[in-house]
Amino acid sequence: ATCAGGVWEVGSAMAPPPTTQAPWKGFVAGSTGAMLSGAVTHPIDLVKVRMQLYGACDGMPAKGASAGPPPLNNAPPGMFKTGFLVMRHEGTLGLYKGLGASLMRQASFIGTKFGAYDLLKTRMPKDDDGTLPFWKMTLCGLGAGAIGAAVGNPADLAMVRMQADGRLPTELRRNYKGGGDALVRIIKEEGVFALWRGCGPTVNRAMIVTASQMAVYDKSKGTILANSGLKDGLAVQTGASFCAGIVAALTSNPIDLAKSRLMSMKPNEHGAMPYTGTMDCIAKTVRHEGIGAVYKGLIPTTARQVPLNMVRFVSVEWVKKILTGVE
């Protein structure tokens, strides 16, 4: 067994620390690892959002500055073409739109879910051998994801809007100056509860992603340690985080697409929103664009999730190791 998520299990290849790490250490480690990985992978995330918004019912273009709405039967641009179009219309720095809000999201949402996951694991009844089975890890991941998403939704909303702003005509852009400015303006212009617009799909996605990431990482790490003879270190952590990233990308993409569209939508000339909720968004997407449309952005999602999880989990393990002796 292993040190998974900060909780050491029986039979670890390394000697466990004298006490289980406090949940606040999980929050600090999660926030640090999340901000590092988020900064590295932000351009890929922006490209993913633009691809997911292509063909949305709001009729806005996904390509960049002032391009008109795409033809109905025009195939969406791929990952590299989308990135090229962003740079051509908005400059290289356009790939980093929303970075401030992204870092806010990483610190609030991801830090909270890591801390909550560690806390839930310490409270979850263990089996007779002192370990947690995979299904209990999954339950902890579901709970941690829901808690983290509820806390981090305002920053997530600001990030998505800032990433999507470049696809709007110039006169319709929100032009937020940063994450803090976005939050203040949303409250002033739309009310405080607007900060939790799209919270439903955000919570759904977070529960799926967190359960996939955390449980698969823990299980993969334990399996590698048990069968490879390797000690807990960079190679084991990288392999386990690679598995977690692949599973998270495959399971989360449809809900992630709905989240992006719900958070970026604007009312039409009659004041009506194009989507009423997660399932309505997914249903309209399938009806108008085909079943494969719910996996728009899967390649950049995977391209982001894999390195994101690698950097995040390795960083989290490193910070937790540093914090082991800190009270």
C-alpha atoms as a PDB file:
ATOM      1  CA  ALA A   1       0.000   0.000   0.000  1.00  0.00           C
ATOM      2  CA  THR A   2       0.993   3.617  -0.391  1.00  0.00           C
ATOM      3  CA  CYS A   3       0.864   7.220   0.672  1.00  0.00           C
ATOM      4  CA  ALA A   4      -2.138   8.248  -1.403  1.00  0.00           C
ATOM      5  CA  GLY A   5      -3.621  11.715  -1.001  1.00  0.00           C
ATOM      6  CA  GLY A   6      -1.620  12.231   2.179  1.00  0.00           C
ATOM      7  CA  VAL A   7      -2.959   9.126   3.991  1.00  0.00           C
ATOM      8  CA  TRP A   8      -0.470   6.292   4.439  1.00  0.00           C
ATOM      9  CA  GLU A   9      -1.688   2.745   4.136  1.00  0.00           C
ATOM     10  CA  VAL A  10      -0.372  -0.540   5.495  1.00  0.00           C
ATOM     11  CA  GLY A  11       2.582  -2.118   3.728  1.00  0.00           C
ATOM     12  CA  SER A  12       3.990   1.051   2.142  1.00  0.00           C
ATOM     13  CA  ALA A  13       7.375   0.816   0.503  1.00  0.00           C
ATOM     14  CA  MET A  14       8.401   3.853   2.531  1.00  0.00           C
ATOM     15  CA  ALA A  15       8.180   4.381   6.267  1.00  0.00           C
ATOM     16  CA  PRO A  16       5.086   6.458   7.099  1.00  0.00           C
ATOM     17  CA  PRO A  17       5.370   9.689   9.036  1.00  0.00           C
ATOM     18  CA  PRO A  18       4.396   9.513  12.705  1.00  0.00           C
ATOM     19  CA  THR A  19       1.006  11.176  12.172  1.00  0.00           C
ATOM     20  CA  THR A  20      -1.476  11.689   9.352  1.00  0.00           C
ATOM     21  CA  GLN A  21      -1.030  15.085   7.708  1.00  0.00           C
ATOM     22  CA  ALA A  22      -3.566  17.730   8.678  1.00  0.00           C
ATOM     23  CA  PRO A  23      -6.177  18.663   6.043  1.00  0.00           C
ATOM     24  CA  TRP A  24      -4.803  22.225   5.794  1.00  0.00           C
ATOM     25  CA  LYS A  25      -1.610  20.757   4.396  1.00  0.00           C
ATOM     26  CA  GLY A  26      -3.655  19.120   1.658  1.00  0.00           C
ATOM     27  CA  PHE A  27      -5.172  22.525   0.868  1.00  0.00           C
ATOM     28  CA  VAL A  28      -1.766  24.260   0.730  1.00  0.00           C
ATOM     29  CA  ALA A  29      -0.198  21.465  -1.314  1.00  0.00           C
ATOM     30  CA  GLY A  30      -3.195  21.273  -3.642  1.00  0.00           C
ATOM     31  CA  SER A  31      -3.282  25.036  -4.204  1.00  0.00           C
ATOM     32  CA  THR A  32       0.453  25.210  -4.915  1.00  0.00           C
ATOM     33  CA  GLY A  33       0.450  22.244  -7.277  1.00  0.00           C
ATOM     34  CA  ALA A  34      -2.708  23.461  -8.998  1.00  0.00           C
ATOM     35  CA  MET A  35      -1.384  26.966  -9.668  1.00  0.00           C
ATOM     36  CA  LEU A  36       1.878  25.601 -11.093  1.00  0.00           C
ATOM     37  CA  SER A  37       0.105  23.142 -13.377  1.00  0.00           C
ATOM     38  CA  GLY A  38      -2.607  25.654 -14.299  1.00  0.00           C
ATOM     39  CA  ALA A  39      -0.061  28.236 -15.447  1.00  0.00           C
ATOM     40  CA  VAL A  40       1.740  25.644 -17.600  1.00  0.00           C
ATOM     41  CA  THR A  41      -1.385  24.324 -19.320  1.00  0.00           C
ATOM     42  CA  HIS A  42      -3.496  27.513 -19.559  1.00  0.00           C
ATOM     43  CA  PRO A  43      -3.072  28.034 -23.343  1.00  0.00           C
ATOM     44  CA  ILE A  44      -4.355  24.501 -23.992  1.00  0.00           C
ATOM     45  CA  ASP A  45      -7.326  25.145 -21.714  1.00  0.00           C
ATOM     46  CA  LEU A  46      -8.190  28.344 -23.584  1.00  0.00           C
ATOM     47  CA  VAL A  47      -8.072  26.499 -26.923  1.00  0.00           C
ATOM     48  CA  LYS A  48     -10.319  23.797 -25.459  1.00  0.00           C
ATOM     49  CA  VAL A  49     -12.913  26.362 -24.350  1.00  0.00           C
ATOM     50  CA  ARG A  50     -12.918  28.043 -27.776  1.00  0.00           C
ATOM     51  CA  MET A  51     -13.405  24.674 -29.489  1.00  0.00           C
ATOM     52  CA  GLN A  52     -16.256  23.747 -27.154  1.00  0.00           C
ATOM     53  CA  LEU A  53     -18.019  27.060 -27.853  1.00  0.00           C
ATOM     54  CA  TYR A  54     -17.843  26.623 -31.623  1.00  0.00           C
ATOM     55  CA  GLY A  55     -21.387  26.080 -32.860  1.00  0.00           C
ATOM     56  CA  ALA A  56     -23.033  27.131 -29.582  1.00  0.00           C
ATOM     57  CA  CYS A  57     -26.617  28.375 -29.817  1.00  0.00           C
ATOM     58  CA  ASP A  58     -25.594  31.957 -28.993  1.00  0.00           C
ATOM     59  CA  GLY A  59     -24.432  32.256 -32.584  1.00  0.00           C
ATOM     60  CA  MET A  60     -21.091  33.836 -31.705  1.00  0.00           C
ATOM     61  CA  PRO A  61     -17.930  32.852 -33.581  1.00  0.00           C
ATOM     62  CA  ALA A  62     -15.239  30.763 -31.968  1.00  0.00           C
ATOM     63  CA  LYS A  63     -12.401  31.809 -34.197  1.00  0.00           C
ATOM     64  CA  GLY A  64     -11.340  35.097 -32.743  1.00  0.00           C
ATOM     65  CA  ALA A  65     -11.647  38.820 -33.166  1.00  0.00           C
ATOM     66  CA  SER A  66     -14.514  39.785 -35.425  1.00  0.00           C
ATOM     67  CA  ALA A  67     -15.253  36.796 -37.613  1.00  0.00           C
ATOM     68  CA  GLY A  68     -18.913  36.269 -38.388  1.00  0.00           C
ATOM     69  CA  PRO A  69     -20.939  33.241 -37.307  1.00  0.00           C
ATOM     70  CA  PRO A  70     -19.678  30.014 -38.895  1.00  0.00           C
ATOM     71  CA  PRO A  71     -21.640  28.375 -41.691  1.00  0.00           C
ATOM     72  CA  LEU A  72     -24.086  25.784 -40.403  1.00  0.00           C
ATOM     73  CA  ASN A  73     -22.319  22.810 -41.952  1.00  0.00           C
ATOM     74  CA  ASN A  74     -18.769  24.080 -41.510  1.00  0.00           C
ATOM     75  CA  ALA A  75     -16.604  21.644 -39.562  1.00  0.00           C
ATOM     76  CA  PRO A  76     -15.095  23.090 -36.369  1.00  0.00           C
ATOM     77  CA  PRO A  77     -11.388  23.944 -36.546  1.00  0.00           C
ATOM     78  CA  GLY A  78      -8.989  21.545 -34.851  1.00  0.00           C
ATOM     79  CA  MET A  79      -6.815  22.175 -31.845  1.00  0.00           C
ATOM     80  CA  PHE A  80      -3.805  23.638 -33.671  1.00  0.00           C
ATOM     81  CA  LYS A  81      -5.885  25.722 -36.077  1.00  0.00           C
ATOM     82  CA  THR A  82      -7.910  27.136 -33.179  1.00  0.00           C
ATOM     83  CA  GLY A  83      -4.709  28.099 -31.377  1.00  0.00           C
ATOM     84  CA  PHE A  84      -3.343  29.678 -34.567  1.00  0.00           C
ATOM     85  CA  LEU A  85      -6.546  31.682 -35.078  1.00  0.00           C
ATOM     86  CA  VAL A  86      -6.438  32.946 -31.494  1.00  0.00           C
ATOM     87  CA  MET A  87      -2.852  34.144 -31.971  1.00  0.00           C
ATOM     88  CA  ARG A  88      -3.635  35.708 -35.371  1.00  0.00           C
ATOM     89  CA  HIS A  89      -6.654  37.676 -34.139  1.00  0.00           C
ATOM     90  CA  GLU A  90      -5.630  38.373 -30.527  1.00  0.00           C
ATOM     91  CA  GLY A  91      -1.862  37.990 -30.421  1.00  0.00           C
ATOM     92  CA  THR A  92       0.245  35.440 -28.574  1.00  0.00           C
ATOM     93  CA  LEU A  93      -0.853  36.837 -25.221  1.00  0.00           C
ATOM     94  CA  GLY A  94      -4.410  35.988 -26.254  1.00  0.00           C
ATOM     95  CA  LEU A  95      -3.590  32.413 -25.288  1.00  0.00           C
ATOM     96  CA  TYR A  96      -3.183  33.616 -21.706  1.00  0.00           C
ATOM     97  CA  LYS A  97      -6.494  35.461 -21.409  1.00  0.00           C
ATOM     98  CA  GLY A  98      -8.090  34.584 -18.099  1.00  0.00           C
ATOM     99  CA  LEU A  99      -4.824  33.433 -16.498  1.00  0.00           C
ATOM    100  CA  GLY A 100      -5.412  35.533 -13.378  1.00  0.00           C
ATOM    101  CA  ALA A 101      -8.886  34.085 -12.928  1.00  0.00           C
ATOM    102  CA  SER A 102      -7.477  30.635 -13.643  1.00  0.00           C
ATOM    103  CA  LEU A 103      -4.951  30.978 -10.826  1.00  0.00           C
ATOM    104  CA  MET A 104      -7.772  32.161  -8.527  1.00  0.00           C
ATOM    105  CA  ARG A 105      -9.735  29.078  -9.545  1.00  0.00           C
ATOM    106  CA  GLN A 106      -6.792  26.756  -8.977  1.00  0.00           C
ATOM    107  CA  ALA A 107      -6.149  28.143  -5.495  1.00  0.00           C
ATOM    108  CA  SER A 108      -9.800  28.093  -4.393  1.00  0.00           C
ATOM    109  CA  PHE A 109     -11.305  25.113  -6.205  1.00  0.00           C
ATOM    110  CA  ILE A 110      -8.372  22.707  -6.482  1.00  0.00           C
ATOM    111  CA  GLY A 111      -6.903  23.552  -3.095  1.00  0.00           C
ATOM    112  CA  THR A 112     -10.282  22.982  -1.455  1.00  0.00           C
ATOM    113  CA  LYS A 113     -10.845  19.647  -3.177  1.00  0.00           C
ATOM    114  CA  PHE A 114      -7.401  18.314  -2.204  1.00  0.00           C
ATOM    115  CA  GLY A 115      -7.933  19.374   1.404  1.00  0.00           C
ATOM    116  CA  ALA A 116     -11.469  17.938   1.413  1.00  0.00           C
ATOM    117  CA  TYR A 117     -10.291  14.675  -0.145  1.00  0.00           C
ATOM    118  CA  ASP A 118      -7.658  14.182   2.551  1.00  0.00           C
ATOM    119  CA  LEU A 119     -10.192  15.021   5.264  1.00  0.00           C
ATOM    120  CA  LEU A 120     -12.843  12.661   3.860  1.00  0.00           C
ATOM    121  CA  LYS A 121     -10.318   9.838   3.570  1.00  0.00           C
ATOM    122  CA  THR A 122      -9.356  10.177   7.225  1.00  0.00           C
ATOM    123  CA  ARG A 123     -13.056   9.988   8.180  1.00  0.00           C
ATOM    124  CA  MET A 124     -13.954   7.120   5.856  1.00  0.00           C
ATOM    125  CA  PRO A 125     -14.072   3.703   7.639  1.00  0.00           C
ATOM    126  CA  LYS A 126     -11.229   1.502   6.420  1.00  0.00           C
ATOM    127  CA  ASP A 127     -11.210  -2.225   5.700  1.00  0.00           C
ATOM    128  CA  ASP A 128      -9.820  -4.745   8.167  1.00  0.00           C
ATOM    129  CA  ASP A 129      -6.355  -4.500   6.610  1.00  0.00           C
ATOM    130  CA  GLY A 130      -6.274  -0.731   7.197  1.00  0.00           C
ATOM    131  CA  THR A 131      -6.714   0.278   3.566  1.00  0.00           C
ATOM    132  CA  LEU A 132      -9.461   2.011   1.614  1.00  0.00           C
ATOM    133  CA  PRO A 133     -10.995   0.083  -1.303  1.00  0.00           C
ATOM    134  CA  PHE A 134     -11.313   1.816  -4.674  1.00  0.00           C
ATOM    135  CA  TRP A 135     -15.049   2.466  -4.325  1.00  0.00           C
ATOM    136  CA  LYS A 136     -14.525   4.322  -1.052  1.00  0.00           C
ATOM    137  CA  MET A 137     -11.774   6.422  -2.656  1.00  0.00           C
ATOM    138  CA  THR A 138     -14.257   7.208  -5.414  1.00  0.00           C
ATOM    139  CA  LEU A 139     -16.878   8.334  -2.877  1.00  0.00           C
ATOM    140  CA  CYS A 140     -14.307  10.606  -1.236  1.00  0.00           C
ATOM    141  CA  GLY A 141     -13.461  12.038  -4.651  1.00  0.00           C
ATOM    142  CA  LEU A 142     -17.123  12.707  -5.442  1.00  0.00           C
ATOM    143  CA  GLY A 143     -17.620  14.550  -2.168  1.00  0.00           C
ATOM    144  CA  ALA A 144     -14.390  16.533  -2.463  1.00  0.00           C
ATOM    145  CA  GLY A 145     -15.248  17.531  -6.023  1.00  0.00           C
ATOM    146  CA  ALA A 146     -18.652  18.874  -5.021  1.00  0.00           C
ATOM    147  CA  ILE A 147     -17.194  20.910  -2.146  1.00  0.00           C
ATOM    148  CA  GLY A 148     -14.362  22.307  -4.245  1.00  0.00           C
ATOM    149  CA  ALA A 149     -16.650  23.251  -7.136  1.00  0.00           C
ATOM    150  CA  ALA A 150     -19.094  25.133  -4.914  1.00  0.00           C
ATOM    151  CA  VAL A 151     -16.219  27.155  -3.450  1.00  0.00           C
ATOM    152  CA  GLY A 152     -14.434  27.739  -6.754  1.00  0.00           C
ATOM    153  CA  ASN A 153     -17.372  28.427  -9.110  1.00  0.00           C
ATOM    154  CA  PRO A 154     -17.057  32.262  -9.056  1.00  0.00           C
ATOM    155  CA  ALA A 155     -13.414  32.108 -10.144  1.00  0.00           C
ATOM    156  CA  ASP A 156     -14.270  29.400 -12.689  1.00  0.00           C
ATOM    157  CA  LEU A 157     -17.025  31.589 -14.143  1.00  0.00           C
ATOM    158  CA  ALA A 158     -14.645  34.547 -14.444  1.00  0.00           C
ATOM    159  CA  MET A 159     -12.003  32.368 -16.118  1.00  0.00           C
ATOM    160  CA  VAL A 160     -14.384  30.924 -18.735  1.00  0.00           C
ATOM    161  CA  ARG A 161     -15.785  34.350 -19.601  1.00  0.00           C
ATOM    162  CA  MET A 162     -12.338  35.871 -19.976  1.00  0.00           C
ATOM    163  CA  GLN A 163     -11.186  32.966 -22.149  1.00  0.00           C
ATOM    164  CA  ALA A 164     -14.299  33.224 -24.337  1.00  0.00           C
ATOM    165  CA  ASP A 165     -14.288  37.030 -24.664  1.00  0.00           C
ATOM    166  CA  GLY A 166     -12.121  37.084 -27.786  1.00  0.00           C
ATOM    167  CA  ARG A 167     -14.698  35.164 -29.823  1.00  0.00           C
ATOM    168  CA  LEU A 168     -17.310  37.913 -29.340  1.00  0.00           C
ATOM    169  CA  PRO A 169     -17.681  40.926 -31.647  1.00  0.00           C
ATOM    170  CA  THR A 170     -15.761  43.899 -30.258  1.00  0.00           C
ATOM    171  CA  GLU A 171     -18.881  45.756 -29.152  1.00  0.00           C
ATOM    172  CA  LEU A 172     -20.148  42.759 -27.131  1.00  0.00           C
ATOM    173  CA  ARG A 173     -16.954  41.890 -25.299  1.00  0.00           C
ATOM    174  CA  ARG A 174     -16.979  42.184 -21.532  1.00  0.00           C
ATOM    175  CA  ASN A 175     -13.324  43.290 -21.404  1.00  0.00           C
ATOM    176  CA  TYR A 176     -12.702  42.309 -17.800  1.00  0.00           C
ATOM    177  CA  LYS A 177      -9.391  43.717 -16.577  1.00  0.00           C
ATOM    178  CA  GLY A 178      -8.648  40.674 -14.455  1.00  0.00           C
ATOM    179  CA  GLY A 179     -10.148  38.026 -12.228  1.00  0.00           C
ATOM    180  CA  GLY A 180     -10.978  40.455  -9.419  1.00  0.00           C
ATOM    181  CA  ASP A 181     -12.517  42.977 -11.802  1.00  0.00           C
ATOM    182  CA  ALA A 182     -14.605  40.212 -13.365  1.00  0.00           C
ATOM    183  CA  LEU A 183     -16.043  39.172  -9.992  1.00  0.00           C
ATOM    184  CA  VAL A 184     -16.850  42.760  -8.987  1.00  0.00           C
ATOM    185  CA  ARG A 185     -18.537  43.564 -12.299  1.00  0.00           C
ATOM    186  CA  ILE A 186     -20.557  40.357 -12.326  1.00  0.00           C
ATOM    187  CA  ILE A 187     -21.930  41.221  -8.873  1.00  0.00           C
ATOM    188  CA  LYS A 188     -22.707  44.823  -9.911  1.00  0.00           C
ATOM    189  CA  GLU A 189     -24.237  43.999 -13.302  1.00  0.00           C
ATOM    190  CA  GLU A 190     -25.911  40.639 -12.680  1.00  0.00           C
ATOM    191  CA  GLY A 191     -26.203  40.179  -8.938  1.00  0.00           C
ATOM    192  CA  VAL A 192     -24.207  38.112  -6.466  1.00  0.00           C
ATOM    193  CA  PHE A 193     -25.992  34.867  -7.313  1.00  0.00           C
ATOM    194  CA  ALA A 194     -24.756  35.156 -10.903  1.00  0.00           C
ATOM    195  CA  LEU A 195     -21.356  34.108  -9.547  1.00  0.00           C
ATOM    196  CA  TRP A 196     -22.809  30.611  -9.276  1.00  0.00           C
ATOM    197  CA  ARG A 197     -24.246  30.495 -12.794  1.00  0.00           C
ATOM    198  CA  GLY A 198     -23.337  27.125 -14.255  1.00  0.00           C
ATOM    199  CA  CYS A 199     -22.693  25.749 -10.768  1.00  0.00           C
ATOM    200  CA  GLY A 200     -24.739  22.629 -11.542  1.00  0.00           C
ATOM    201  CA  PRO A 201     -22.560  21.402 -14.407  1.00  0.00           C
ATOM    202  CA  THR A 202     -19.466  22.659 -12.588  1.00  0.00           C
ATOM    203  CA  VAL A 203     -20.314  20.498  -9.560  1.00  0.00           C
ATOM    204  CA  ASN A 204     -21.222  17.536 -11.777  1.00  0.00           C
ATOM    205  CA  ARG A 205     -17.997  17.828 -13.728  1.00  0.00           C
ATOM    206  CA  ALA A 206     -15.917  18.369 -10.592  1.00  0.00           C
ATOM    207  CA  MET A 207     -17.370  15.285  -8.926  1.00  0.00           C
ATOM    208  CA  ILE A 208     -16.590  13.147 -11.984  1.00  0.00           C
ATOM    209  CA  VAL A 209     -13.133  14.618 -12.547  1.00  0.00           C
ATOM    210  CA  THR A 210     -12.124  14.529  -8.882  1.00  0.00           C
ATOM    211  CA  ALA A 211     -13.319  10.961  -8.408  1.00  0.00           C
ATOM    212  CA  SER A 212     -11.451   9.982 -11.585  1.00  0.00           C
ATOM    213  CA  GLN A 213      -8.299  11.887 -10.708  1.00  0.00           C
ATOM    214  CA  MET A 214      -7.992  11.056  -7.031  1.00  0.00           C
ATOM    215  CA  ALA A 215      -9.247   7.484  -6.952  1.00  0.00           C
ATOM    216  CA  VAL A 216      -7.466   6.462 -10.167  1.00  0.00           C
ATOM    217  CA  TYR A 217      -4.254   8.157  -9.013  1.00  0.00           C
ATOM    218  CA  ASP A 218      -4.370   6.421  -5.625  1.00  0.00           C
ATOM    219  CA  LYS A 219      -5.246   3.048  -7.156  1.00  0.00           C
ATOM    220  CA  SER A 220      -2.692   3.311  -9.968  1.00  0.00           C
ATOM    221  CA  LYS A 221       0.030   4.379  -7.579  1.00  0.00           C
ATOM    222  CA  GLY A 222      -0.712   1.493  -5.235  1.00  0.00           C
ATOM    223  CA  THR A 223      -0.742  -0.994  -8.118  1.00  0.00           C
ATOM    224  CA  ILE A 224       2.569   0.285  -9.531  1.00  0.00           C
ATOM    225  CA  LEU A 225       4.248   0.141  -6.124  1.00  0.00           C
ATOM    226  CA  ALA A 226       2.906  -3.336  -5.429  1.00  0.00           C
ATOM    227  CA  ASN A 227       3.936  -4.848  -8.765  1.00  0.00           C
ATOM    228  CA  SER A 228       6.979  -2.957 -10.009  1.00  0.00           C
ATOM    229  CA  GLY A 229       9.375  -3.011  -7.095  1.00  0.00           C
ATOM    230  CA  LEU A 230       9.840   0.749  -7.489  1.00  0.00           C
ATOM    231  CA  LYS A 231       9.903   3.103  -4.533  1.00  0.00           C
ATOM    232  CA  ASP A 232       7.511   6.012  -4.169  1.00  0.00           C
ATOM    233  CA  GLY A 233       9.077   8.716  -6.291  1.00  0.00           C
ATOM    234  CA  LEU A 234       8.912  10.672  -9.530  1.00  0.00           C
ATOM    235  CA  ALA A 235       8.538   7.666 -11.845  1.00  0.00           C
ATOM    236  CA  VAL A 236       5.678   6.134  -9.849  1.00  0.00           C
ATOM    237  CA  GLN A 237       3.906   9.467  -9.380  1.00  0.00           C
ATOM    238  CA  THR A 238       4.233  10.318 -13.082  1.00  0.00           C
ATOM    239  CA  GLY A 239       2.823   6.969 -14.177  1.00  0.00           C
ATOM    240  CA  ALA A 240      -0.116   7.181 -11.785  1.00  0.00           C
ATOM    241  CA  SER A 241      -0.916  10.786 -12.740  1.00  0.00           C
ATOM    242  CA  PHE A 242      -0.814   9.860 -16.457  1.00  0.00           C
ATOM    243  CA  CYS A 243      -3.518   7.238 -15.870  1.00  0.00           C
ATOM    244  CA  ALA A 244      -5.575   9.727 -13.847  1.00  0.00           C
ATOM    245  CA  GLY A 245      -5.369  12.341 -16.611  1.00  0.00           C
ATOM    246  CA  ILE A 246      -6.576   9.989 -19.353  1.00  0.00           C
ATOM    247  CA  VAL A 247      -9.576   8.780 -17.332  1.00  0.00           C
ATOM    248  CA  ALA A 248     -10.489  12.317 -16.215  1.00  0.00           C
ATOM    249  CA  ALA A 249     -10.483  13.626 -19.802  1.00  0.00           C
ATOM    250  CA  LEU A 250     -12.722  10.852 -21.138  1.00  0.00           C
ATOM    251  CA  THR A 251     -15.281  11.061 -18.339  1.00  0.00           C
ATOM    252  CA  SER A 252     -15.552  14.836 -18.017  1.00  0.00           C
ATOM    253  CA  ASN A 253     -15.653  16.227 -21.566  1.00  0.00           C
ATOM    254  CA  PRO A 254     -19.457  16.236 -22.199  1.00  0.00           C
ATOM    255  CA  ILE A 255     -20.208  18.024 -18.923  1.00  0.00           C
ATOM    256  CA  ASP A 256     -17.210  20.303 -19.405  1.00  0.00           C
ATOM    257  CA  LEU A 257     -18.612  21.348 -22.790  1.00  0.00           C
ATOM    258  CA  ALA A 258     -21.985  22.154 -21.191  1.00  0.00           C
ATOM    259  CA  LYS A 259     -20.253  24.113 -18.432  1.00  0.00           C
ATOM    260  CA  SER A 260     -18.309  26.236 -20.922  1.00  0.00           C
ATOM    261  CA  ARG A 261     -21.428  27.033 -22.946  1.00  0.00           C
ATOM    262  CA  LEU A 262     -23.598  27.811 -19.915  1.00  0.00           C
ATOM    263  CA  MET A 263     -21.013  30.100 -18.353  1.00  0.00           C
ATOM    264  CA  SER A 264     -20.287  32.064 -21.541  1.00  0.00           C
ATOM    265  CA  MET A 265     -23.876  32.375 -22.876  1.00  0.00           C
ATOM    266  CA  LYS A 266     -25.544  35.748 -23.315  1.00  0.00           C
ATOM    267  CA  PRO A 267     -29.296  36.482 -23.637  1.00  0.00           C
ATOM    268  CA  ASN A 268     -30.778  36.940 -27.097  1.00  0.00           C
ATOM    269  CA  GLU A 269     -32.679  40.039 -28.260  1.00  0.00           C
ATOM    270  CA  HIS A 270     -35.734  38.852 -26.307  1.00  0.00           C
ATOM    271  CA  GLY A 271     -33.762  38.426 -23.089  1.00  0.00           C
ATOM    272  CA  ALA A 272     -33.936  34.617 -23.179  1.00  0.00           C
ATOM    273  CA  MET A 273     -30.910  32.447 -22.534  1.00  0.00           C
ATOM    274  CA  PRO A 274     -30.063  29.801 -25.174  1.00  0.00           C
ATOM    275  CA  TYR A 275     -29.829  27.014 -22.569  1.00  0.00           C
ATOM    276  CA  THR A 276     -31.776  26.331 -19.384  1.00  0.00           C
ATOM    277  CA  GLY A 277     -29.374  23.872 -17.783  1.00  0.00           C
ATOM    278  CA  THR A 278     -26.823  21.104 -18.252  1.00  0.00           C
ATOM    279  CA  MET A 279     -29.089  18.496 -19.821  1.00  0.00           C
ATOM    280  CA  ASP A 280     -30.814  21.076 -22.032  1.00  0.00           C
ATOM    281  CA  CYS A 281     -27.424  22.222 -23.289  1.00  0.00           C
ATOM    282  CA  ILE A 282     -26.244  18.680 -23.996  1.00  0.00           C
ATOM    283  CA  ALA A 283     -29.561  17.777 -25.672  1.00  0.00           C
ATOM    284  CA  LYS A 284     -29.518  20.858 -27.926  1.00  0.00           C
ATOM    285  CA  THR A 285     -25.859  20.252 -28.759  1.00  0.00           C
ATOM    286  CA  VAL A 286     -26.587  16.667 -29.823  1.00  0.00           C
ATOM    287  CA  ARG A 287     -29.731  17.699 -31.746  1.00  0.00           C
ATOM    288  CA  HIS A 288     -28.071  20.539 -33.679  1.00  0.00           C
ATOM    289  CA  GLU A 289     -24.493  19.260 -34.010  1.00  0.00           C
ATOM    290  CA  GLY A 290     -24.606  15.475 -33.618  1.00  0.00           C
ATOM    291  CA  ILE A 291     -23.664  13.094 -30.813  1.00  0.00           C
ATOM    292  CA  GLY A 292     -19.951  13.534 -31.421  1.00  0.00           C
ATOM    293  CA  ALA A 293     -20.247  17.234 -30.595  1.00  0.00           C
ATOM    294  CA  VAL A 294     -20.258  16.517 -26.855  1.00  0.00           C
ATOM    295  CA  TYR A 295     -16.637  15.465 -27.314  1.00  0.00           C
ATOM    296  CA  LYS A 296     -15.593  18.691 -28.989  1.00  0.00           C
ATOM    297  CA  GLY A 297     -12.296  19.717 -27.507  1.00  0.00           C
ATOM    298  CA  LEU A 298     -11.440  16.167 -26.383  1.00  0.00           C
ATOM    299  CA  ILE A 299      -7.939  16.315 -27.860  1.00  0.00           C
ATOM    300  CA  PRO A 300      -6.994  19.557 -26.087  1.00  0.00           C
ATOM    301  CA  THR A 301      -8.834  18.322 -22.990  1.00  0.00           C
ATOM    302  CA  THR A 302      -6.626  15.210 -22.979  1.00  0.00           C
ATOM    303  CA  ALA A 303      -3.558  17.231 -23.963  1.00  0.00           C
ATOM    304  CA  ARG A 304      -4.265  19.451 -20.972  1.00  0.00           C
ATOM    305  CA  GLN A 305      -5.405  16.849 -18.450  1.00  0.00           C
ATOM    306  CA  VAL A 306      -2.362  14.567 -18.822  1.00  0.00           C
ATOM    307  CA  PRO A 307       0.413  17.163 -18.251  1.00  0.00           C
ATOM    308  CA  LEU A 308      -1.845  19.016 -15.815  1.00  0.00           C
ATOM    309  CA  ASN A 309      -2.223  15.925 -13.644  1.00  0.00           C
ATOM    310  CA  MET A 310       1.459  15.079 -13.915  1.00  0.00           C
ATOM    311  CA  VAL A 311       2.625  18.514 -12.801  1.00  0.00           C
ATOM    312  CA  ARG A 312      -0.154  18.833 -10.216  1.00  0.00           C
ATOM    313  CA  PHE A 313       0.246  15.482  -8.448  1.00  0.00           C
ATOM    314  CA  VAL A 314       4.056  15.560  -8.497  1.00  0.00           C
ATOM    315  CA  SER A 315       3.974  19.121  -7.104  1.00  0.00           C
ATOM    316  CA  VAL A 316       1.407  18.163  -4.461  1.00  0.00           C
ATOM    317  CA  GLU A 317       3.494  15.174  -3.342  1.00  0.00           C
ATOM    318  CA  TRP A 318       6.589  17.390  -3.200  1.00  0.00           C
ATOM    319  CA  VAL A 319       4.870  20.106  -1.129  1.00  0.00           C
ATOM    320  CA  LYS A 320       3.348  17.505   1.209  1.00  0.00           C
ATOM    321  CA  LYS A 321       6.795  16.042   1.768  1.00  0.00           C
ATOM    322  CA  ILE A 322       8.108  19.508   2.687  1.00  0.00           C
ATOM    323  CA  LEU A 323       5.157  20.071   5.040  1.00  0.00           C
ATOM    324  CA  THR A 324       5.550  16.694   6.794  1.00  0.00           C
ATOM    325  CA  GLY A 325       7.503  18.204   9.703  1.00  0.00           C
ATOM    326  CA  VAL A 326       5.451  21.418   9.872  1.00  0.00           C
ATOM    327  CA  GLU A 327       2.854  21.698  12.616  1.00  0.00           C
END
